[in-house]
Amino acid sequence: MSPADHGKTTWCELATRLAEPRADAAGPLLARAEALLALDGAPLPHAVALSRLDRAAGEEAAIGLIADVLHWFQTRGGDPDMAFDCAQTRFEAQQAVSA
């Protein structure tokens, strides 16, 4: 529980029977992404099945890292839209290979 101006907020985490992502599915790509996020200060739990709170914090850190990289492209005279499109194309190609 955490106090708030309007009272207290309470949350809980419930186990589900949803399929858990496989940690080995992305192999070195996952390890590289997690290393970058860790350098950025993101709290990354090492469990494969993340809680909703852990997942939300990880997603926020990843989005922040992507935004920072796009900013880097722009300030160095690059085109952040093109970089993002190229990254999306590479991601989709890697997904097709691993499927």
C-alpha atoms as a PDB file:
ATOM      1  CA  MET A   1       0.000   0.000   0.000  1.00  0.00           C
ATOM      2  CA  SER A   2       1.063   3.536  -0.592  1.00  0.00           C
ATOM      3  CA  PRO A   3      -0.526   6.668   0.851  1.00  0.00           C
ATOM      4  CA  ALA A   4      -1.988   9.239  -1.531  1.00  0.00           C
ATOM      5  CA  ASP A   5      -3.843  12.545  -1.193  1.00  0.00           C
ATOM      6  CA  HIS A   6      -7.164  10.814  -1.779  1.00  0.00           C
ATOM      7  CA  GLY A   7      -6.514   7.794   0.468  1.00  0.00           C
ATOM      8  CA  LYS A   8      -4.390   4.696  -0.051  1.00  0.00           C
ATOM      9  CA  THR A   9      -3.610   2.761  -3.198  1.00  0.00           C
ATOM     10  CA  THR A  10      -3.386  -0.996  -2.904  1.00  0.00           C
ATOM     11  CA  TRP A  11      -2.232  -3.407  -5.576  1.00  0.00           C
ATOM     12  CA  CYS A  12      -1.421  -7.058  -5.853  1.00  0.00           C
ATOM     13  CA  GLU A  13       0.123  -9.414  -8.371  1.00  0.00           C
ATOM     14  CA  LEU A  14      -1.728 -12.523  -9.465  1.00  0.00           C
ATOM     15  CA  ALA A  15      -0.201 -15.574 -11.066  1.00  0.00           C
ATOM     16  CA  THR A  16      -1.693 -16.508 -14.431  1.00  0.00           C
ATOM     17  CA  ARG A  17      -1.372 -19.487 -16.699  1.00  0.00           C
ATOM     18  CA  LEU A  18      -0.252 -17.321 -19.599  1.00  0.00           C
ATOM     19  CA  ALA A  19       2.671 -18.605 -21.595  1.00  0.00           C
ATOM     20  CA  GLU A  20       5.952 -17.238 -20.313  1.00  0.00           C
ATOM     21  CA  PRO A  21       8.439 -15.851 -22.813  1.00  0.00           C
ATOM     22  CA  ARG A  22      11.504 -17.971 -23.321  1.00  0.00           C
ATOM     23  CA  ALA A  23      14.671 -16.244 -22.192  1.00  0.00           C
ATOM     24  CA  ASP A  24      16.726 -18.151 -24.758  1.00  0.00           C
ATOM     25  CA  ALA A  25      14.465 -17.151 -27.674  1.00  0.00           C
ATOM     26  CA  ALA A  26      16.381 -13.937 -28.401  1.00  0.00           C
ATOM     27  CA  GLY A  27      19.764 -15.202 -27.186  1.00  0.00           C
ATOM     28  CA  PRO A  28      22.484 -12.601 -27.649  1.00  0.00           C
ATOM     29  CA  LEU A  29      19.991  -9.963 -28.819  1.00  0.00           C
ATOM     30  CA  LEU A  30      18.213 -10.080 -25.466  1.00  0.00           C
ATOM     31  CA  ALA A  31      21.508 -10.025 -23.583  1.00  0.00           C
ATOM     32  CA  ARG A  32      22.706  -6.992 -25.569  1.00  0.00           C
ATOM     33  CA  ALA A  33      19.442  -5.097 -25.022  1.00  0.00           C
ATOM     34  CA  GLU A  34      19.496  -5.861 -21.301  1.00  0.00           C
ATOM     35  CA  ALA A  35      23.120  -4.719 -21.064  1.00  0.00           C
ATOM     36  CA  LEU A  36      22.205  -1.386 -22.680  1.00  0.00           C
ATOM     37  CA  LEU A  37      19.224  -0.942 -20.382  1.00  0.00           C
ATOM     38  CA  ALA A  38      21.373  -1.771 -17.350  1.00  0.00           C
ATOM     39  CA  LEU A  39      23.902   0.874 -18.430  1.00  0.00           C
ATOM     40  CA  ASP A  40      21.007   3.335 -18.561  1.00  0.00           C
ATOM     41  CA  GLY A  41      20.170   2.444 -14.950  1.00  0.00           C
ATOM     42  CA  ALA A  42      17.076   0.333 -15.612  1.00  0.00           C
ATOM     43  CA  PRO A  43      16.261  -2.140 -12.814  1.00  0.00           C
ATOM     44  CA  LEU A  44      16.194  -5.464 -14.666  1.00  0.00           C
ATOM     45  CA  PRO A  45      15.101  -8.554 -12.758  1.00  0.00           C
ATOM     46  CA  HIS A  46      16.724 -11.755 -13.974  1.00  0.00           C
ATOM     47  CA  ALA A  47      13.569 -13.872 -13.806  1.00  0.00           C
ATOM     48  CA  VAL A  48      12.003 -14.934 -17.104  1.00  0.00           C
ATOM     49  CA  ALA A  49       8.446 -14.332 -15.865  1.00  0.00           C
ATOM     50  CA  LEU A  50       8.257 -10.666 -14.922  1.00  0.00           C
ATOM     51  CA  SER A  51       5.586  -9.151 -12.735  1.00  0.00           C
ATOM     52  CA  ARG A  52       3.418  -6.435 -14.260  1.00  0.00           C
ATOM     53  CA  LEU A  53       5.321  -3.808 -12.312  1.00  0.00           C
ATOM     54  CA  ASP A  54       8.703  -5.152 -13.447  1.00  0.00           C
ATOM     55  CA  ARG A  55       7.489  -5.363 -17.036  1.00  0.00           C
ATOM     56  CA  ALA A  56       6.138  -1.797 -16.924  1.00  0.00           C
ATOM     57  CA  ALA A  57       9.427  -0.461 -15.509  1.00  0.00           C
ATOM     58  CA  GLY A  58      11.401  -2.361 -18.144  1.00  0.00           C
ATOM     59  CA  GLU A  59       9.173  -1.111 -20.943  1.00  0.00           C
ATOM     60  CA  GLU A  60       9.496   2.479 -19.726  1.00  0.00           C
ATOM     61  CA  ALA A  61      13.285   2.126 -19.586  1.00  0.00           C
ATOM     62  CA  ALA A  62      13.397   0.608 -23.095  1.00  0.00           C
ATOM     63  CA  ILE A  63      11.196   3.361 -24.526  1.00  0.00           C
ATOM     64  CA  GLY A  64      13.406   5.962 -22.878  1.00  0.00           C
ATOM     65  CA  LEU A  65      16.507   4.336 -24.349  1.00  0.00           C
ATOM     66  CA  ILE A  66      14.954   4.267 -27.834  1.00  0.00           C
ATOM     67  CA  ALA A  67      14.014   7.955 -27.497  1.00  0.00           C
ATOM     68  CA  ASP A  68      17.565   8.797 -26.370  1.00  0.00           C
ATOM     69  CA  VAL A  69      19.051   6.984 -29.383  1.00  0.00           C
ATOM     70  CA  LEU A  70      16.668   8.791 -31.758  1.00  0.00           C
ATOM     71  CA  HIS A  71      17.705  12.074 -30.147  1.00  0.00           C
ATOM     72  CA  TRP A  72      21.340  11.093 -30.697  1.00  0.00           C
ATOM     73  CA  PHE A  73      20.625  10.536 -34.400  1.00  0.00           C
ATOM     74  CA  GLN A  74      18.958  13.927 -34.717  1.00  0.00           C
ATOM     75  CA  THR A  75      21.677  15.889 -32.896  1.00  0.00           C
ATOM     76  CA  ARG A  76      24.354  14.204 -35.040  1.00  0.00           C
ATOM     77  CA  GLY A  77      22.602  15.262 -38.252  1.00  0.00           C
ATOM     78  CA  GLY A  78      20.907  11.934 -38.893  1.00  0.00           C
ATOM     79  CA  ASP A  79      17.276  11.221 -39.626  1.00  0.00           C
ATOM     80  CA  PRO A  80      15.609   9.653 -36.566  1.00  0.00           C
ATOM     81  CA  ASP A  81      12.605   8.486 -38.617  1.00  0.00           C
ATOM     82  CA  MET A  82      14.849   6.634 -41.043  1.00  0.00           C
ATOM     83  CA  ALA A  83      16.822   5.103 -38.161  1.00  0.00           C
ATOM     84  CA  PHE A  84      13.612   3.968 -36.484  1.00  0.00           C
ATOM     85  CA  ASP A  85      12.310   2.486 -39.763  1.00  0.00           C
ATOM     86  CA  CYS A  86      15.590   0.635 -40.330  1.00  0.00           C
ATOM     87  CA  ALA A  87      15.533  -0.694 -36.768  1.00  0.00           C
ATOM     88  CA  GLN A  88      11.926  -1.877 -37.222  1.00  0.00           C
ATOM     89  CA  THR A  89      12.858  -3.636 -40.481  1.00  0.00           C
ATOM     90  CA  ARG A  90      15.828  -5.351 -38.818  1.00  0.00           C
ATOM     91  CA  PHE A  91      13.674  -6.384 -35.847  1.00  0.00           C
ATOM     92  CA  GLU A  92      11.039  -7.909 -38.149  1.00  0.00           C
ATOM     93  CA  ALA A  93      13.718  -9.771 -40.131  1.00  0.00           C
ATOM     94  CA  GLN A  94      15.179 -11.193 -36.918  1.00  0.00           C
ATOM     95  CA  GLN A  95      11.683 -12.244 -35.806  1.00  0.00           C
ATOM     96  CA  ALA A  96      11.128 -14.046 -39.121  1.00  0.00           C
ATOM     97  CA  VAL A  97      14.410 -15.944 -38.754  1.00  0.00           C
ATOM     98  CA  SER A  98      13.662 -17.022 -35.174  1.00  0.00           C
ATOM     99  CA  ALA A  99      10.075 -18.134 -35.971  1.00  0.00           C
END
